């Protein structure tokens, strides 16, 4: 499985010289089977624009799987050149909570935007996904609801039969109580998605010092993401959904402060490419 981070920022894009190394685009992660072109995209923030150069002039033909419908996870949809062309084939899938087209039209339609989703060029389809196990673009996708304010939010575990990725980009575990450290419970759905995954990409918008004042905003403390990875036996964690005000230098210091743990902790960087090989000794399909 090859993973390309097209956008790693949370809430709103962050342009400017202080955000160059980690990137200022909002959430978007592209997955491919090895060196093939990406066919499964998780979320469609402004980072979706960064996928077009990687397709080398080809139309996108695959699935965009949304975790939820907040602006920073949908803003890239009408600005995706490889998806807005006559030969594109795009299946847009979102958490089930009503008619998909009607929901998207609340923010992508006049007077808020010049066109509606159905007016994008190419063969676009719009559908919903329920919690459970699904087969999408050659991957097994487990979808489970996790807490986040303002509509249904799904976390995903994506497996190609050899390796697995857990993706919880927006997560408010404090909704289940303070947990062992005051940052939220390691609740059953979060643990089910993360347990034994080869890589965890997790909401890490707040520091421990910031968290008491913003706990109700719907995001995680960095400490929670690290604790969840360690408790679920995940070897590698990418801190994701960075605060829009978090500068490159601050992210450098955060990443350095978490070295030496049982889990490898990294701050997600836009344009980072990760190849997940099958671990030695693992039987295919496990």
Protein backbone atom coordinates (compact mmCIF):
# COMPACT_ATOMS: atom_id res chain seq x y z
CA UNK A 1 0.00 0.00 0.00
CA UNK A 2 1.32 3.43 -0.95
CA UNK A 3 0.03 6.43 0.99
CA UNK A 4 0.43 10.02 -0.24
CA UNK A 5 -0.41 12.87 2.13
CA UNK A 6 -1.92 15.61 -0.03
CA UNK A 7 -3.15 17.78 2.84
CA UNK A 8 -2.48 17.54 6.59
CA UNK A 9 -3.85 20.78 8.07
CA UNK A 10 -7.06 21.11 10.09
CA UNK A 11 -9.97 23.57 10.14
CA UNK A 12 -8.70 26.04 7.53
CA UNK A 13 -5.79 26.26 5.06
CA UNK A 14 -2.62 27.94 6.31
CA UNK A 15 -0.72 29.84 3.61
CA UNK A 16 2.55 31.64 4.27
CA UNK A 17 6.25 31.10 4.89
CA UNK A 18 5.77 29.67 8.39
CA UNK A 19 3.83 26.68 7.02
CA UNK A 20 5.91 25.64 4.00
CA UNK A 21 7.66 22.50 5.28
CA UNK A 22 4.60 20.77 6.71
CA UNK A 23 2.11 22.30 4.31
CA UNK A 24 -1.02 24.40 4.61
CA UNK A 25 -3.64 22.37 2.73
CA UNK A 26 -6.46 20.64 4.58
CA UNK A 27 -7.11 16.92 4.91
CA UNK A 28 -6.62 14.62 1.95
CA UNK A 29 -4.85 11.23 1.80
CA UNK A 30 -4.46 9.21 -1.43
CA UNK A 31 -3.98 5.42 -1.46
CA UNK A 32 -2.70 3.18 -4.22
CA UNK A 33 -1.81 -0.46 -4.67
CA UNK A 34 1.96 -0.16 -4.84
CA UNK A 35 3.16 1.91 -7.80
CA UNK A 36 -0.29 2.06 -9.43
CA UNK A 37 -2.13 5.38 -9.66
CA UNK A 38 -4.22 6.28 -6.59
CA UNK A 39 -7.79 5.00 -6.73
CA UNK A 40 -8.94 5.59 -3.15
CA UNK A 41 -8.84 9.05 -1.57
CA UNK A 42 -9.70 9.73 2.06
CA UNK A 43 -11.26 13.19 2.43
CA UNK A 44 -11.38 16.05 -0.05
CA UNK A 45 -9.93 19.09 1.67
CA UNK A 46 -7.91 21.65 -0.28
CA UNK A 47 -5.13 19.06 -0.45
CA UNK A 48 -7.16 17.26 -3.13
CA UNK A 49 -5.72 19.75 -5.62
CA UNK A 50 -2.27 18.28 -4.94
CA UNK A 51 -3.32 14.89 -6.30
CA UNK A 52 -3.66 16.06 -9.91
CA UNK A 53 0.12 16.44 -10.55
CA UNK A 54 0.65 12.89 -9.27
CA UNK A 55 -1.79 11.57 -11.87
CA UNK A 56 0.52 12.90 -14.62
CA UNK A 57 -2.19 14.24 -16.87
CA UNK A 58 -4.56 11.31 -16.40
CA UNK A 59 -8.15 11.58 -15.25
CA UNK A 60 -8.99 10.33 -11.77
CA UNK A 61 -10.90 7.07 -11.84
CA UNK A 62 -11.71 5.88 -8.35
CA UNK A 63 -13.43 6.66 -5.05
CA UNK A 64 -13.30 9.66 -2.73
CA UNK A 65 -14.34 8.48 0.73
CA UNK A 66 -15.29 11.28 3.12
CA UNK A 67 -15.07 10.94 6.89
CA UNK A 68 -17.57 13.78 7.42
CA UNK A 69 -18.88 16.90 5.71
CA UNK A 70 -17.12 19.77 7.44
CA UNK A 71 -15.75 22.45 5.11
CA UNK A 72 -12.08 21.56 5.56
CA UNK A 73 -12.82 18.04 4.28
CA UNK A 74 -14.90 18.99 1.23
CA UNK A 75 -13.49 22.31 -0.07
CA UNK A 76 -11.27 20.60 -2.62
CA UNK A 77 -14.08 18.84 -4.51
CA UNK A 78 -14.80 21.52 -7.14
CA UNK A 79 -11.08 22.37 -7.46
CA UNK A 80 -9.82 18.93 -8.48
CA UNK A 81 -8.78 19.17 -12.16
CA UNK A 82 -8.31 15.41 -12.61
CA UNK A 83 -11.85 14.82 -11.36
CA UNK A 84 -13.54 17.68 -13.21
CA UNK A 85 -13.04 16.50 -16.80
CA UNK A 86 -15.09 14.53 -19.27
CA UNK A 87 -13.15 11.25 -18.92
CA UNK A 88 -13.12 11.20 -15.10
CA UNK A 89 -14.98 8.56 -13.09
CA UNK A 90 -15.49 9.56 -9.48
CA UNK A 91 -17.50 7.73 -6.84
CA UNK A 92 -18.01 10.11 -3.92
CA UNK A 93 -19.01 8.28 -0.73
CA UNK A 94 -19.95 9.92 2.56
CA UNK A 95 -21.37 8.90 5.96
CA UNK A 96 -25.07 8.08 5.72
CA UNK A 97 -27.18 10.93 7.11
CA UNK A 98 -29.56 11.88 4.32
CA UNK A 99 -29.47 12.35 0.57
CA UNK A 100 -25.79 12.83 -0.40
CA UNK A 101 -26.38 15.34 -3.21
CA UNK A 102 -28.74 17.47 -1.14
CA UNK A 103 -26.23 17.56 1.71
CA UNK A 104 -23.36 18.66 -0.54
CA UNK A 105 -25.53 21.27 -2.23
CA UNK A 106 -25.89 23.10 1.08
CA UNK A 107 -22.36 24.45 0.57
CA UNK A 108 -21.63 23.76 -3.11
CA UNK A 109 -24.41 25.61 -4.94
CA UNK A 110 -25.48 29.21 -5.64
CA UNK A 111 -25.32 31.65 -3.95
CA UNK A 112 -22.42 30.07 -2.01
CA UNK A 113 -20.72 28.58 -5.09
CA UNK A 114 -21.28 28.90 -8.87
CA UNK A 115 -22.19 25.24 -9.56
CA UNK A 116 -23.64 22.22 -7.81
CA UNK A 117 -21.81 18.87 -7.34
CA UNK A 118 -23.90 17.30 -10.11
CA UNK A 119 -22.52 19.86 -12.58
CA UNK A 120 -18.94 18.64 -12.22
CA UNK A 121 -17.73 17.17 -15.51
CA UNK A 122 -17.18 13.46 -15.89
CA UNK A 123 -19.03 10.46 -14.50
CA UNK A 124 -19.68 11.35 -10.85
CA UNK A 125 -21.82 9.26 -8.50
CA UNK A 126 -22.83 10.14 -4.96
CA UNK A 127 -23.64 7.57 -2.29
CA UNK A 128 -23.62 6.91 1.45
CA UNK A 129 -21.72 4.47 3.63
CA UNK A 130 -22.93 2.90 6.87
CA UNK A 131 -20.73 1.62 9.70
CA UNK A 132 -19.47 -1.87 8.94
CA UNK A 133 -17.12 -3.64 6.54
CA UNK A 134 -17.02 -2.69 2.87
CA UNK A 135 -15.04 -3.52 -0.27
CA UNK A 136 -13.86 -0.36 -2.05
CA UNK A 137 -11.32 -0.14 -4.89
CA UNK A 138 -9.71 -3.45 -3.98
CA UNK A 139 -9.43 -2.59 -0.27
CA UNK A 140 -11.34 -3.87 2.73
CA UNK A 141 -12.63 -0.81 4.56
CA UNK A 142 -13.95 -0.98 8.10
CA UNK A 143 -16.03 2.07 8.98
CA UNK A 144 -16.93 2.93 12.57
CA UNK A 145 -18.49 6.03 14.06
CA UNK A 146 -16.24 8.12 16.29
CA UNK A 147 -17.23 11.28 18.16
CA UNK A 148 -16.77 14.68 16.51
CA UNK A 149 -19.11 17.65 16.76
CA UNK A 150 -21.54 18.54 14.00
CA UNK A 151 -22.77 15.52 12.05
CA UNK A 152 -21.78 11.90 11.62
CA UNK A 153 -18.05 11.23 11.64
CA UNK A 154 -16.57 7.91 10.53
CA UNK A 155 -13.10 6.60 11.19
CA UNK A 156 -11.71 4.08 8.72
CA UNK A 157 -9.39 1.09 8.75
CA UNK A 158 -8.18 0.27 5.25
CA UNK A 159 -6.50 -3.04 4.43
CA UNK A 160 -5.14 -4.50 1.21
CA UNK A 161 -4.90 -7.99 2.70
CA UNK A 162 -1.29 -7.53 3.80
CA UNK A 163 -1.08 -4.20 5.62
CA UNK A 164 -3.58 -1.87 7.25
CA UNK A 165 -4.00 1.84 7.82
CA UNK A 166 -6.17 3.36 10.56
CA UNK A 167 -7.43 6.88 9.78
CA UNK A 168 -9.11 9.04 12.43
CA UNK A 169 -8.58 12.56 11.18
CA UNK A 170 -11.10 14.31 13.46
CA UNK A 171 -11.78 12.71 16.83
CA UNK A 172 -13.19 14.01 20.12
CA UNK A 173 -12.72 11.12 22.58
CA UNK A 174 -13.40 13.42 25.54
CA UNK A 175 -17.09 12.87 24.62
CA UNK A 176 -16.81 9.50 26.42
CA UNK A 177 -15.25 10.98 29.54
CA UNK A 178 -11.79 12.11 30.62
CA UNK A 179 -10.08 8.75 30.24
CA UNK A 180 -6.88 7.76 32.03
CA UNK A 181 -5.00 11.02 31.38
CA UNK A 182 -7.80 13.54 30.99
CA UNK A 183 -7.63 13.62 27.17
CA UNK A 184 -10.49 11.20 26.52
CA UNK A 185 -11.34 7.53 26.67
CA UNK A 186 -9.67 4.86 24.55
CA UNK A 187 -13.16 3.79 23.53
CA UNK A 188 -14.15 0.61 21.74
CA UNK A 189 -14.53 1.99 18.20
CA UNK A 190 -11.22 3.85 18.29
CA UNK A 191 -9.45 0.76 19.58
CA UNK A 192 -11.12 -1.50 17.02
CA UNK A 193 -9.88 0.69 14.18
CA UNK A 194 -6.36 1.11 15.53
CA UNK A 195 -5.63 -2.31 17.05
CA UNK A 196 -2.56 -3.79 15.39
CA UNK A 197 -2.67 -1.43 12.41
CA UNK A 198 0.62 -0.85 10.61
CA UNK A 199 0.07 2.92 10.56
CA UNK A 200 -2.25 5.25 12.46
CA UNK A 201 -3.07 8.70 11.08
CA UNK A 202 -4.77 10.54 13.91
CA UNK A 203 -6.14 13.95 14.84
CA UNK A 204 -3.48 15.82 16.86
CA UNK A 205 -4.73 19.38 16.67
CA UNK A 206 -4.04 20.40 20.28
CA UNK A 207 -1.16 20.24 22.73
CA UNK A 208 -1.75 19.13 26.31
CA UNK A 209 -1.34 22.72 27.48
CA UNK A 210 -3.98 23.99 25.04
CA UNK A 211 -6.45 21.18 25.56
CA UNK A 212 -8.34 22.30 28.71
CA UNK A 213 -9.48 25.50 26.98
CA UNK A 214 -10.48 23.82 23.70
CA UNK A 215 -11.63 20.34 24.76
CA UNK A 216 -15.19 21.12 23.64
CA UNK A 217 -14.09 22.03 20.09
CA UNK A 218 -14.19 18.40 18.92
CA UNK A 219 -10.53 17.46 18.42
CA UNK A 220 -7.80 15.43 20.12
CA UNK A 221 -4.74 16.22 22.14
CA UNK A 222 -1.44 14.95 20.76
CA UNK A 223 -1.00 12.95 23.96
CA UNK A 224 -4.21 11.03 23.25
CA UNK A 225 -3.05 10.04 19.77
CA UNK A 226 0.25 8.73 21.15
CA UNK A 227 -1.48 6.89 24.00
CA UNK A 228 -3.98 5.26 21.63
CA UNK A 229 -1.20 4.08 19.31
CA UNK A 230 0.79 2.63 22.19
CA UNK A 231 -2.19 0.89 23.79
CA UNK A 232 -3.23 -0.66 20.45
CA UNK A 233 0.22 -1.89 19.45
CA UNK A 234 0.62 0.43 16.46
CA UNK A 235 4.28 0.77 15.43
CA UNK A 236 3.98 4.11 13.60
CA UNK A 237 1.85 7.20 14.24
CA UNK A 238 1.38 10.27 12.06
CA UNK A 239 0.16 13.33 13.95
CA UNK A 240 -2.42 14.84 11.60
CA UNK A 241 -4.95 17.68 11.26
CA UNK A 242 -2.45 20.22 12.57
CA UNK A 243 -3.82 23.41 14.07
CA UNK A 244 -3.95 26.11 11.37
CA UNK A 245 -1.78 28.31 13.60
CA UNK A 246 0.87 25.61 14.25
CA UNK A 247 4.09 26.73 12.54
CA UNK A 248 6.77 24.53 11.02
CA UNK A 249 9.15 25.28 13.89
CA UNK A 250 6.51 24.36 16.46
CA UNK A 251 5.80 21.08 14.69
CA UNK A 252 9.53 20.34 14.63
CA UNK A 253 9.64 20.73 18.41
CA UNK A 254 6.51 18.64 18.92
CA UNK A 255 7.88 15.80 16.81
CA UNK A 256 11.24 15.91 18.62
CA UNK A 257 9.55 15.82 22.02
CA UNK A 258 7.91 12.44 21.29
CA UNK A 259 10.98 10.52 20.18
CA UNK A 260 12.09 7.44 22.10
CA UNK A 261 8.59 6.01 22.58
CA UNK A 262 7.54 2.46 21.79
CA UNK A 263 5.70 3.91 18.78
CA UNK A 264 7.45 5.93 16.08
CA UNK A 265 5.84 9.39 16.19
CA UNK A 266 6.02 11.76 13.24
CA UNK A 267 4.28 15.01 12.35
CA UNK A 268 2.49 14.50 9.02
CA UNK A 269 3.93 16.50 6.13
CA UNK A 270 2.19 17.42 2.93
CA UNK A 271 3.58 15.40 -0.03
CA UNK A 272 4.95 12.70 2.30
CA UNK A 273 4.88 9.31 0.59
CA UNK A 274 4.75 6.15 2.70
CA UNK A 275 5.05 2.60 1.37
CA UNK A 276 3.72 0.02 3.79
CA UNK A 277 5.36 -3.34 3.05
CA UNK A 278 4.04 -6.61 4.43
CA UNK A 279 5.75 -7.17 7.81
CA UNK A 280 8.06 -10.20 7.93
CA UNK A 281 6.27 -13.34 9.03
CA UNK A 282 2.76 -12.03 8.44
CA UNK A 283 0.45 -14.31 6.51
CA UNK A 284 -1.32 -12.58 3.59
CA UNK A 285 -4.88 -11.61 4.44
CA UNK A 286 -4.21 -11.16 8.17
